Amino acid sequence: MDASQNPEYLRKTAEAVTEFKYAFKAFMELHTETKDAGFGRGLLPAAVARDGVSPEELQAAADRVARAAGRASAAPGLTQMYIGVTGFPKPVDPIATWKTVITPKPLLEPSDVLDSAEQILGRLEALTDKAEAELPPTTGVEAMHPTIWGAARKLWLDGHFRLAVQSAAETLISQLKTRTGLANMDATNVYEKVFNAKSPVLTWPGDPNDRTVSSMQNGLSKYAPGLNMTVRNTATHVASDEMTAQQALERLAALSLLAHWIDECEGPI
C-alpha cells in the first residue's frame, strides 16, 4: 500500500507535525517578534532572541525544532501545503524553512509557520478520513480475533511462524484459565472441563434443547481439546520443526475461530 494512503502512516505524520508545532512555539517563547519595527522591516529577522536567554538555551530549543521538523518533513508534500513568497522563485516548505524567521530577510513570519502547521494538520485529518473510507475489507491475519493476532503479531512479522502459533495458543488458554478459575489444570484438561457436554463451565447461548445449541455445545467439547492437542501441543513440543507461513495461518485461523466462540459463550466473565 502507498504510504500516503495508509491511515496509520498519516496519523503518525500528524503526530510529528503536532510535535513540530509545539517545539516551534517553545522556541518562539525565547524570542521577540520584530513585526512592529519600522525602518528595516523585511530586512530584519522576524524574531530576535530575548534579553537574558543564554546561547545554550537557544541552541537546545532550536535542536528540538530541527529534530521535529525532520520527523514532520513529509507532511508538506503529502498535503501540498506550500507558501508563496514575494520575490522568491517557487513556493516554500513552511516546515523546512522554519529557521528563516531568525535570519535577515526572512522568508516567513512565525505566524506563517504556525498557520501552515494547523492547515497541514487539517489536511492530514481529511486525508486520513479518505484513506480509511477507501480501505478494502480487512481479511487475513490482521482481521483475526485480537487475542490471537495480538499474541502472534510480532513473532509472525519477524518470520517466527511456529512461535507465533505457540504464543497465540498459550495466550488463549491463559485467558480461559483466568476467566474460569482453572489455573492449576493443564490446557487440554481445562478445555475438556470447560466444555464438558454434561456439565459445562461455559455454555453456548440459547435453549440447550435446541438442535443448533446442542450441536455447538457438543462440538466445542470435542473441537477445543482437539485443537489444543493438534495445534498448541505440536507447536510447543516440536520445537525443531519450523512452520511455513501457510501452515501457521491455518492454525491461527482455527485458534481465532475458537476465541470468537469462547467470547460468545455464557458463563464466568
C-alpha atoms as a PDB file:
ATOM      1  CA  MET A   1       0.000   0.000   0.000  1.00  0.00           C
ATOM      2  CA  ASP A   2       1.142   3.517  -0.826  1.00  0.00           C
ATOM      3  CA  ALA A   3       2.136   5.137   2.481  1.00  0.00           C
ATOM      4  CA  SER A   4       0.206   8.280   1.566  1.00  0.00           C
ATOM      5  CA  GLN A   5      -2.968   6.185   1.577  1.00  0.00           C
ATOM      6  CA  ASN A   6      -2.207   4.401   4.836  1.00  0.00           C
ATOM      7  CA  PRO A   7      -4.306   5.845   7.703  1.00  0.00           C
ATOM      8  CA  GLU A   8      -1.784   4.809  10.351  1.00  0.00           C
ATOM      9  CA  TYR A   9       1.074   6.491   8.493  1.00  0.00           C
ATOM     10  CA  LEU A  10      -0.998   9.665   8.063  1.00  0.00           C
ATOM     11  CA  ARG A  11      -1.832   9.701  11.780  1.00  0.00           C
ATOM     12  CA  LYS A  12       1.834   9.315  12.712  1.00  0.00           C
ATOM     13  CA  THR A  13       2.723  12.127  10.335  1.00  0.00           C
ATOM     14  CA  ALA A  14       0.105  14.313  12.019  1.00  0.00           C
ATOM     15  CA  GLU A  15       1.654  13.480  15.402  1.00  0.00           C
ATOM     16  CA  ALA A  16       5.031  14.598  14.050  1.00  0.00           C
ATOM     17  CA  VAL A  17       3.544  17.887  12.815  1.00  0.00           C
ATOM     18  CA  THR A  18       1.948  18.478  16.212  1.00  0.00           C
ATOM     19  CA  GLU A  19       5.319  17.842  17.867  1.00  0.00           C
ATOM     20  CA  PHE A  20       6.903  20.340  15.465  1.00  0.00           C
ATOM     21  CA  LYS A  21       4.245  22.963  16.190  1.00  0.00           C
ATOM     22  CA  TYR A  22       4.755  22.812  19.949  1.00  0.00           C
ATOM     23  CA  ALA A  23       8.543  22.741  19.642  1.00  0.00           C
ATOM     24  CA  PHE A  24       8.396  25.830  17.411  1.00  0.00           C
ATOM     25  CA  LYS A  25       6.086  27.590  19.881  1.00  0.00           C
ATOM     26  CA  ALA A  26       8.525  26.860  22.700  1.00  0.00           C
ATOM     27  CA  PHE A  27      11.359  28.181  20.551  1.00  0.00           C
ATOM     28  CA  MET A  28       9.436  31.396  19.854  1.00  0.00           C
ATOM     29  CA  GLU A  29       8.853  31.963  23.570  1.00  0.00           C
ATOM     30  CA  LEU A  30      12.602  32.648  23.771  1.00  0.00           C
ATOM     31  CA  HIS A  31      12.290  35.321  21.078  1.00  0.00           C
ATOM     32  CA  THR A  32      10.626  38.665  20.474  1.00  0.00           C
ATOM     33  CA  GLU A  33       8.958  39.337  17.140  1.00  0.00           C
ATOM     34  CA  THR A  34      10.050  42.435  15.200  1.00  0.00           C
ATOM     35  CA  LYS A  35       6.756  42.952  13.368  1.00  0.00           C
ATOM     36  CA  ASP A  36       6.291  46.396  14.969  1.00  0.00           C
ATOM     37  CA  ALA A  37       9.680  47.597  13.810  1.00  0.00           C
ATOM     38  CA  GLY A  38       9.541  50.494  11.403  1.00  0.00           C
ATOM     39  CA  PHE A  39      12.750  51.075   9.479  1.00  0.00           C
ATOM     40  CA  GLY A  40      14.291  47.948   8.050  1.00  0.00           C
ATOM     41  CA  ARG A  41      11.198  45.802   8.293  1.00  0.00           C
ATOM     42  CA  GLY A  42      11.661  42.969   5.807  1.00  0.00           C
ATOM     43  CA  LEU A  43      15.396  43.111   6.162  1.00  0.00           C
ATOM     44  CA  LEU A  44      15.489  42.384   9.882  1.00  0.00           C
ATOM     45  CA  PRO A  45      14.884  38.867  11.207  1.00  0.00           C
ATOM     46  CA  ALA A  46      11.208  38.272  12.001  1.00  0.00           C
ATOM     47  CA  ALA A  47      12.216  37.401  15.574  1.00  0.00           C
ATOM     48  CA  VAL A  48      15.231  38.057  17.762  1.00  0.00           C
ATOM     49  CA  ALA A  49      16.348  36.383  20.973  1.00  0.00           C
ATOM     50  CA  ARG A  50      15.044  37.865  24.209  1.00  0.00           C
ATOM     51  CA  ASP A  51      17.487  39.529  26.563  1.00  0.00           C
ATOM     52  CA  GLY A  52      18.892  37.172  29.149  1.00  0.00           C
ATOM     53  CA  VAL A  53      18.341  33.967  27.166  1.00  0.00           C
ATOM     54  CA  SER A  54      21.589  32.015  27.039  1.00  0.00           C
ATOM     55  CA  PRO A  55      23.062  30.715  23.778  1.00  0.00           C
ATOM     56  CA  GLU A  56      22.882  27.189  25.201  1.00  0.00           C
ATOM     57  CA  GLU A  57      19.143  27.509  25.852  1.00  0.00           C
ATOM     58  CA  LEU A  58      18.563  28.896  22.372  1.00  0.00           C
ATOM     59  CA  GLN A  59      20.550  26.069  20.799  1.00  0.00           C
ATOM     60  CA  ALA A  60      18.724  23.388  22.751  1.00  0.00           C
ATOM     61  CA  ALA A  61      15.352  24.806  21.698  1.00  0.00           C
ATOM     62  CA  ALA A  62      16.486  25.094  18.083  1.00  0.00           C
ATOM     63  CA  ASP A  63      17.695  21.485  18.139  1.00  0.00           C
ATOM     64  CA  ARG A  64      14.273  20.310  19.319  1.00  0.00           C
ATOM     65  CA  VAL A  65      12.552  22.180  16.487  1.00  0.00           C
ATOM     66  CA  ALA A  66      15.027  20.875  13.928  1.00  0.00           C
ATOM     67  CA  ARG A  67      14.541  17.290  15.056  1.00  0.00           C
ATOM     68  CA  ALA A  68      10.764  17.666  14.999  1.00  0.00           C
ATOM     69  CA  ALA A  69      10.941  19.312  11.570  1.00  0.00           C
ATOM     70  CA  GLY A  70      12.846  16.298  10.305  1.00  0.00           C
ATOM     71  CA  ARG A  71      10.199  13.913  11.591  1.00  0.00           C
ATOM     72  CA  ALA A  72       7.462  16.030  10.003  1.00  0.00           C
ATOM     73  CA  SER A  73       9.302  16.622   6.734  1.00  0.00           C
ATOM     74  CA  ALA A  74       6.937  14.519   4.616  1.00  0.00           C
ATOM     75  CA  ALA A  75       3.846  16.459   5.688  1.00  0.00           C
ATOM     76  CA  PRO A  76       4.001  19.444   3.301  1.00  0.00           C
ATOM     77  CA  GLY A  77       4.433  17.136   0.316  1.00  0.00           C
ATOM     78  CA  LEU A  78       1.595  14.869   1.431  1.00  0.00           C
ATOM     79  CA  THR A  79      -0.745  17.831   1.897  1.00  0.00           C
ATOM     80  CA  GLN A  80       0.648  20.082  -0.853  1.00  0.00           C
ATOM     81  CA  MET A  81       0.955  22.851   1.731  1.00  0.00           C
ATOM     82  CA  TYR A  82       3.472  25.388   0.484  1.00  0.00           C
ATOM     83  CA  ILE A  83       3.646  29.171   0.839  1.00  0.00           C
ATOM     84  CA  GLY A  84       4.186  31.642  -1.985  1.00  0.00           C
ATOM     85  CA  VAL A  85       6.748  34.304  -1.072  1.00  0.00           C
ATOM     86  CA  THR A  86       7.062  37.570  -2.987  1.00  0.00           C
ATOM     87  CA  GLY A  87      10.354  37.718  -4.869  1.00  0.00           C
ATOM     88  CA  PHE A  88      11.090  34.045  -4.307  1.00  0.00           C
ATOM     89  CA  PRO A  89      11.002  31.816  -7.423  1.00  0.00           C
ATOM     90  CA  LYS A  90       8.884  29.000  -6.020  1.00  0.00           C
ATOM     91  CA  PRO A  91       6.580  28.281  -3.041  1.00  0.00           C
ATOM     92  CA  VAL A  92       8.456  27.355   0.113  1.00  0.00           C
ATOM     93  CA  ASP A  93       8.051  24.464   2.512  1.00  0.00           C
ATOM     94  CA  PRO A  94       6.919  26.051   5.814  1.00  0.00           C
ATOM     95  CA  ILE A  95       8.394  23.258   7.927  1.00  0.00           C
ATOM     96  CA  ALA A  96      11.769  23.030   6.192  1.00  0.00           C
ATOM     97  CA  THR A  97      12.207  26.840   6.219  1.00  0.00           C
ATOM     98  CA  TRP A  98      11.125  27.468   9.818  1.00  0.00           C
ATOM     99  CA  LYS A  99      14.557  28.788  10.822  1.00  0.00           C
ATOM    100  CA  THR A 100      14.418  31.677   8.351  1.00  0.00           C
ATOM    101  CA  VAL A 101      12.291  33.553  10.909  1.00  0.00           C
ATOM    102  CA  ILE A 102      15.524  34.369  12.779  1.00  0.00           C
ATOM    103  CA  THR A 103      17.635  35.237   9.732  1.00  0.00           C
ATOM    104  CA  PRO A 104      17.894  38.560   7.908  1.00  0.00           C
ATOM    105  CA  LYS A 105      15.421  38.896   5.022  1.00  0.00           C
ATOM    106  CA  PRO A 106      13.244  36.107   6.465  1.00  0.00           C
ATOM    107  CA  LEU A 107      11.140  34.099   4.048  1.00  0.00           C
ATOM    108  CA  LEU A 108       8.432  33.529   6.672  1.00  0.00           C
ATOM    109  CA  GLU A 109       6.899  35.111   9.742  1.00  0.00           C
ATOM    110  CA  PRO A 110       6.375  32.955  12.846  1.00  0.00           C
ATOM    111  CA  SER A 111       2.622  33.182  12.239  1.00  0.00           C
ATOM    112  CA  ASP A 112       3.151  31.745   8.732  1.00  0.00           C
ATOM    113  CA  VAL A 113       4.842  28.692  10.207  1.00  0.00           C
ATOM    114  CA  LEU A 114       2.164  28.100  12.845  1.00  0.00           C
ATOM    115  CA  ASP A 115      -0.769  28.766  10.493  1.00  0.00           C
ATOM    116  CA  SER A 116       0.726  26.368   7.966  1.00  0.00           C
ATOM    117  CA  ALA A 117       1.153  23.684  10.634  1.00  0.00           C
ATOM    118  CA  GLU A 118      -2.535  23.986  11.502  1.00  0.00           C
ATOM    119  CA  GLN A 119      -3.554  23.746   7.849  1.00  0.00           C
ATOM    120  CA  ILE A 120      -1.309  20.722   7.391  1.00  0.00           C
ATOM    121  CA  LEU A 121      -2.958  19.039  10.381  1.00  0.00           C
ATOM    122  CA  GLY A 122      -6.400  19.724   8.945  1.00  0.00           C
ATOM    123  CA  ARG A 123      -5.439  18.349   5.558  1.00  0.00           C
ATOM    124  CA  LEU A 124      -3.897  15.262   7.154  1.00  0.00           C
ATOM    125  CA  GLU A 125      -7.142  14.646   9.025  1.00  0.00           C
ATOM    126  CA  ALA A 126      -9.045  14.850   5.735  1.00  0.00           C
ATOM    127  CA  LEU A 127      -6.564  12.514   4.025  1.00  0.00           C
ATOM    128  CA  THR A 128      -6.835  10.053   6.915  1.00  0.00           C
ATOM    129  CA  ASP A 129     -10.639  10.031   6.712  1.00  0.00           C
ATOM    130  CA  LYS A 130     -10.452   9.473   2.949  1.00  0.00           C
ATOM    131  CA  ALA A 131      -7.867   6.706   3.278  1.00  0.00           C
ATOM    132  CA  GLU A 132      -9.950   4.900   5.906  1.00  0.00           C
ATOM    133  CA  ALA A 133     -13.088   5.177   3.776  1.00  0.00           C
ATOM    134  CA  GLU A 134     -11.282   3.666   0.789  1.00  0.00           C
ATOM    135  CA  LEU A 135      -9.633   0.796   2.643  1.00  0.00           C
ATOM    136  CA  PRO A 136     -10.630  -2.604   1.274  1.00  0.00           C
ATOM    137  CA  PRO A 137     -12.331  -5.027   3.665  1.00  0.00           C
ATOM    138  CA  THR A 138      -9.759  -6.397   6.093  1.00  0.00           C
ATOM    139  CA  THR A 139      -9.061 -10.106   5.754  1.00  0.00           C
ATOM    140  CA  GLY A 140      -6.200 -12.362   6.729  1.00  0.00           C
ATOM    141  CA  VAL A 141      -4.142 -12.369   9.890  1.00  0.00           C
ATOM    142  CA  GLU A 142      -4.874  -8.748  10.842  1.00  0.00           C
ATOM    143  CA  ALA A 143      -8.615  -9.471  10.956  1.00  0.00           C
ATOM    144  CA  MET A 144      -8.309 -12.397  13.355  1.00  0.00           C
ATOM    145  CA  HIS A 145      -9.513 -12.306  16.943  1.00  0.00           C
ATOM    146  CA  PRO A 146      -7.465  -9.619  18.747  1.00  0.00           C
ATOM    147  CA  THR A 147      -6.282 -12.084  21.389  1.00  0.00           C
ATOM    148  CA  ILE A 148      -4.835 -14.361  18.731  1.00  0.00           C
ATOM    149  CA  TRP A 149      -3.306 -11.765  16.434  1.00  0.00           C
ATOM    150  CA  GLY A 150      -2.175  -9.629  19.363  1.00  0.00           C
ATOM    151  CA  ALA A 151      -0.149 -12.541  20.746  1.00  0.00           C
ATOM    152  CA  ALA A 152       1.145 -13.687  17.355  1.00  0.00           C
ATOM    153  CA  ARG A 153       1.765 -10.405  15.535  1.00  0.00           C
ATOM    154  CA  LYS A 154       5.386  -9.566  16.377  1.00  0.00           C
ATOM    155  CA  LEU A 155       6.589 -13.156  16.012  1.00  0.00           C
ATOM    156  CA  TRP A 156       4.653 -13.539  12.761  1.00  0.00           C
ATOM    157  CA  LEU A 157       6.094 -10.348  11.270  1.00  0.00           C
ATOM    158  CA  ASP A 158       9.596 -11.497  12.267  1.00  0.00           C
ATOM    159  CA  GLY A 159       9.040 -14.783  10.421  1.00  0.00           C
ATOM    160  CA  HIS A 160       8.823 -16.968  13.550  1.00  0.00           C
ATOM    161  CA  PHE A 161       5.640 -18.740  12.494  1.00  0.00           C
ATOM    162  CA  ARG A 162       5.729 -21.717  14.875  1.00  0.00           C
ATOM    163  CA  LEU A 163       6.393 -19.448  17.833  1.00  0.00           C
ATOM    164  CA  ALA A 164       3.568 -17.168  16.688  1.00  0.00           C
ATOM    165  CA  VAL A 165       1.158 -20.113  16.831  1.00  0.00           C
ATOM    166  CA  GLN A 166       2.516 -21.229  20.191  1.00  0.00           C
ATOM    167  CA  SER A 167       2.189 -17.725  21.661  1.00  0.00           C
ATOM    168  CA  ALA A 168      -1.377 -17.345  20.410  1.00  0.00           C
ATOM    169  CA  ALA A 169      -2.423 -20.742  21.769  1.00  0.00           C
ATOM    170  CA  GLU A 170      -0.780 -20.107  25.157  1.00  0.00           C
ATOM    171  CA  THR A 171      -2.416 -16.687  25.450  1.00  0.00           C
ATOM    172  CA  LEU A 172      -5.847 -18.081  24.644  1.00  0.00           C
ATOM    173  CA  ILE A 173      -5.643 -20.847  27.247  1.00  0.00           C
ATOM    174  CA  SER A 174      -4.210 -18.426  29.806  1.00  0.00           C
ATOM    175  CA  GLN A 175      -7.171 -16.086  29.346  1.00  0.00           C
ATOM    176  CA  LEU A 176      -9.587 -19.018  29.581  1.00  0.00           C
ATOM    177  CA  LYS A 177      -7.972 -20.214  32.819  1.00  0.00           C
ATOM    178  CA  THR A 178      -8.302 -16.730  34.272  1.00  0.00           C
ATOM    179  CA  ARG A 179     -11.945 -16.495  33.233  1.00  0.00           C
ATOM    180  CA  THR A 180     -12.906 -19.892  34.654  1.00  0.00           C
ATOM    181  CA  GLY A 181     -10.613 -20.040  37.687  1.00  0.00           C
ATOM    182  CA  LEU A 182      -8.982 -23.262  36.488  1.00  0.00           C
ATOM    183  CA  ALA A 183      -5.419 -22.024  36.739  1.00  0.00           C
ATOM    184  CA  ASN A 184      -3.952 -25.282  38.087  1.00  0.00           C
ATOM    185  CA  MET A 185      -5.105 -27.578  35.269  1.00  0.00           C
ATOM    186  CA  ASP A 186      -3.162 -28.360  32.140  1.00  0.00           C
ATOM    187  CA  ALA A 187      -4.527 -26.924  28.933  1.00  0.00           C
ATOM    188  CA  THR A 188      -6.248 -29.986  27.489  1.00  0.00           C
ATOM    189  CA  ASN A 189      -7.985 -30.766  30.791  1.00  0.00           C
ATOM    190  CA  VAL A 190      -9.167 -27.152  31.031  1.00  0.00           C
ATOM    191  CA  TYR A 191     -10.821 -27.349  27.638  1.00  0.00           C
ATOM    192  CA  GLU A 192     -12.372 -30.724  28.476  1.00  0.00           C
ATOM    193  CA  LYS A 193     -13.815 -29.418  31.740  1.00  0.00           C
ATOM    194  CA  VAL A 194     -14.933 -26.050  30.416  1.00  0.00           C
ATOM    195  CA  PHE A 195     -16.846 -27.578  27.510  1.00  0.00           C
ATOM    196  CA  ASN A 196     -17.889 -30.867  29.126  1.00  0.00           C
ATOM    197  CA  ALA A 197     -21.094 -31.841  27.350  1.00  0.00           C
ATOM    198  CA  LYS A 198     -22.886 -32.871  30.574  1.00  0.00           C
ATOM    199  CA  SER A 199     -21.828 -30.084  32.946  1.00  0.00           C
ATOM    200  CA  PRO A 200     -20.017 -27.335  31.027  1.00  0.00           C
ATOM    201  CA  VAL A 201     -18.497 -24.297  32.684  1.00  0.00           C
ATOM    202  CA  LEU A 202     -19.148 -22.233  29.560  1.00  0.00           C
ATOM    203  CA  THR A 203     -22.326 -22.785  27.626  1.00  0.00           C
ATOM    204  CA  TRP A 204     -23.399 -21.857  24.138  1.00  0.00           C
ATOM    205  CA  PRO A 205     -26.192 -19.262  24.414  1.00  0.00           C
ATOM    206  CA  GLY A 206     -29.753 -20.383  23.856  1.00  0.00           C
ATOM    207  CA  ASP A 207     -32.084 -23.211  24.752  1.00  0.00           C
ATOM    208  CA  PRO A 208     -29.945 -26.308  25.427  1.00  0.00           C
ATOM    209  CA  ASN A 209     -32.688 -28.416  23.845  1.00  0.00           C
ATOM    210  CA  ASP A 210     -32.347 -26.527  20.575  1.00  0.00           C
ATOM    211  CA  ARG A 211     -30.554 -28.645  17.958  1.00  0.00           C
ATOM    212  CA  THR A 212     -28.149 -25.874  16.960  1.00  0.00           C
ATOM    213  CA  VAL A 213     -27.286 -25.025  20.567  1.00  0.00           C
ATOM    214  CA  SER A 214     -26.817 -28.685  21.401  1.00  0.00           C
ATOM    215  CA  SER A 215     -24.657 -29.187  18.313  1.00  0.00           C
ATOM    216  CA  MET A 216     -22.428 -26.229  19.210  1.00  0.00           C
ATOM    217  CA  GLN A 217     -22.032 -27.394  22.806  1.00  0.00           C
ATOM    218  CA  ASN A 218     -21.157 -30.930  21.811  1.00  0.00           C
ATOM    219  CA  GLY A 219     -18.895 -29.691  19.050  1.00  0.00           C
ATOM    220  CA  LEU A 220     -16.968 -27.400  21.395  1.00  0.00           C
ATOM    221  CA  SER A 221     -16.410 -30.297  23.803  1.00  0.00           C
ATOM    222  CA  LYS A 222     -14.501 -32.036  21.002  1.00  0.00           C
ATOM    223  CA  TYR A 223     -13.121 -29.116  18.997  1.00  0.00           C
ATOM    224  CA  ALA A 224     -11.457 -27.207  21.842  1.00  0.00           C
ATOM    225  CA  PRO A 225      -9.475 -30.118  23.383  1.00  0.00           C
ATOM    226  CA  GLY A 226      -8.682 -31.481  19.932  1.00  0.00           C
ATOM    227  CA  LEU A 227      -7.410 -28.135  18.749  1.00  0.00           C
ATOM    228  CA  ASN A 228      -5.243 -27.824  21.837  1.00  0.00           C
ATOM    229  CA  MET A 229      -3.665 -31.221  21.204  1.00  0.00           C
ATOM    230  CA  THR A 230      -3.163 -30.791  17.472  1.00  0.00           C
ATOM    231  CA  VAL A 231      -2.172 -27.122  17.361  1.00  0.00           C
ATOM    232  CA  ARG A 232      -0.847 -25.920  20.719  1.00  0.00           C
ATOM    233  CA  ASN A 233       0.895 -29.130  21.740  1.00  0.00           C
ATOM    234  CA  THR A 234       2.607 -29.707  18.415  1.00  0.00           C
ATOM    235  CA  ALA A 235       3.722 -26.049  18.186  1.00  0.00           C
ATOM    236  CA  THR A 236       5.121 -26.306  21.727  1.00  0.00           C
ATOM    237  CA  HIS A 237       6.682 -29.764  21.760  1.00  0.00           C
ATOM    238  CA  VAL A 238       8.144 -29.987  18.246  1.00  0.00           C
ATOM    239  CA  ALA A 239      10.480 -27.029  18.628  1.00  0.00           C
ATOM    240  CA  SER A 240      12.852 -28.116  15.874  1.00  0.00           C
ATOM    241  CA  ASP A 241      10.253 -28.024  13.092  1.00  0.00           C
ATOM    242  CA  GLU A 242       9.562 -24.554  11.696  1.00  0.00           C
ATOM    243  CA  MET A 243       6.190 -23.941  10.080  1.00  0.00           C
ATOM    244  CA  THR A 244       5.550 -22.282   6.773  1.00  0.00           C
ATOM    245  CA  ALA A 245       3.501 -19.098   6.738  1.00  0.00           C
ATOM    246  CA  GLN A 246       0.564 -21.028   5.263  1.00  0.00           C
ATOM    247  CA  GLN A 247       0.686 -23.722   7.939  1.00  0.00           C
ATOM    248  CA  ALA A 248       0.796 -21.085  10.672  1.00  0.00           C
ATOM    249  CA  LEU A 249      -2.006 -19.091   9.064  1.00  0.00           C
ATOM    250  CA  GLU A 250      -4.314 -22.118   9.058  1.00  0.00           C
ATOM    251  CA  ARG A 251      -3.563 -22.847  12.728  1.00  0.00           C
ATOM    252  CA  LEU A 252      -4.034 -19.229  13.781  1.00  0.00           C
ATOM    253  CA  ALA A 253      -7.361 -19.160  11.935  1.00  0.00           C
ATOM    254  CA  ALA A 254      -8.501 -22.240  13.864  1.00  0.00           C
ATOM    255  CA  LEU A 255      -7.480 -20.602  17.155  1.00  0.00           C
ATOM    256  CA  SER A 256      -9.183 -17.362  16.168  1.00  0.00           C
ATOM    257  CA  LEU A 257     -12.425 -19.212  15.494  1.00  0.00           C
ATOM    258  CA  LEU A 258     -12.261 -20.854  18.924  1.00  0.00           C
ATOM    259  CA  ALA A 259     -11.525 -17.492  20.570  1.00  0.00           C
ATOM    260  CA  HIS A 260     -14.601 -15.946  18.938  1.00  0.00           C
ATOM    261  CA  TRP A 261     -16.750 -18.879  20.069  1.00  0.00           C
ATOM    262  CA  ILE A 262     -15.431 -18.587  23.621  1.00  0.00           C
ATOM    263  CA  ASP A 263     -16.430 -14.918  23.607  1.00  0.00           C
ATOM    264  CA  GLU A 264     -19.984 -15.901  22.615  1.00  0.00           C
ATOM    265  CA  CYS A 265     -20.322 -18.492  25.376  1.00  0.00           C
ATOM    266  CA  GLU A 266     -22.135 -17.717  28.599  1.00  0.00           C
ATOM    267  CA  GLY A 267     -20.512 -18.347  31.939  1.00  0.00           C
ATOM    268  CA  PRO A 268     -17.858 -16.771  34.163  1.00  0.00           C
ATOM    269  CA  ILE A 269     -16.636 -13.414  32.833  1.00  0.00           C
END
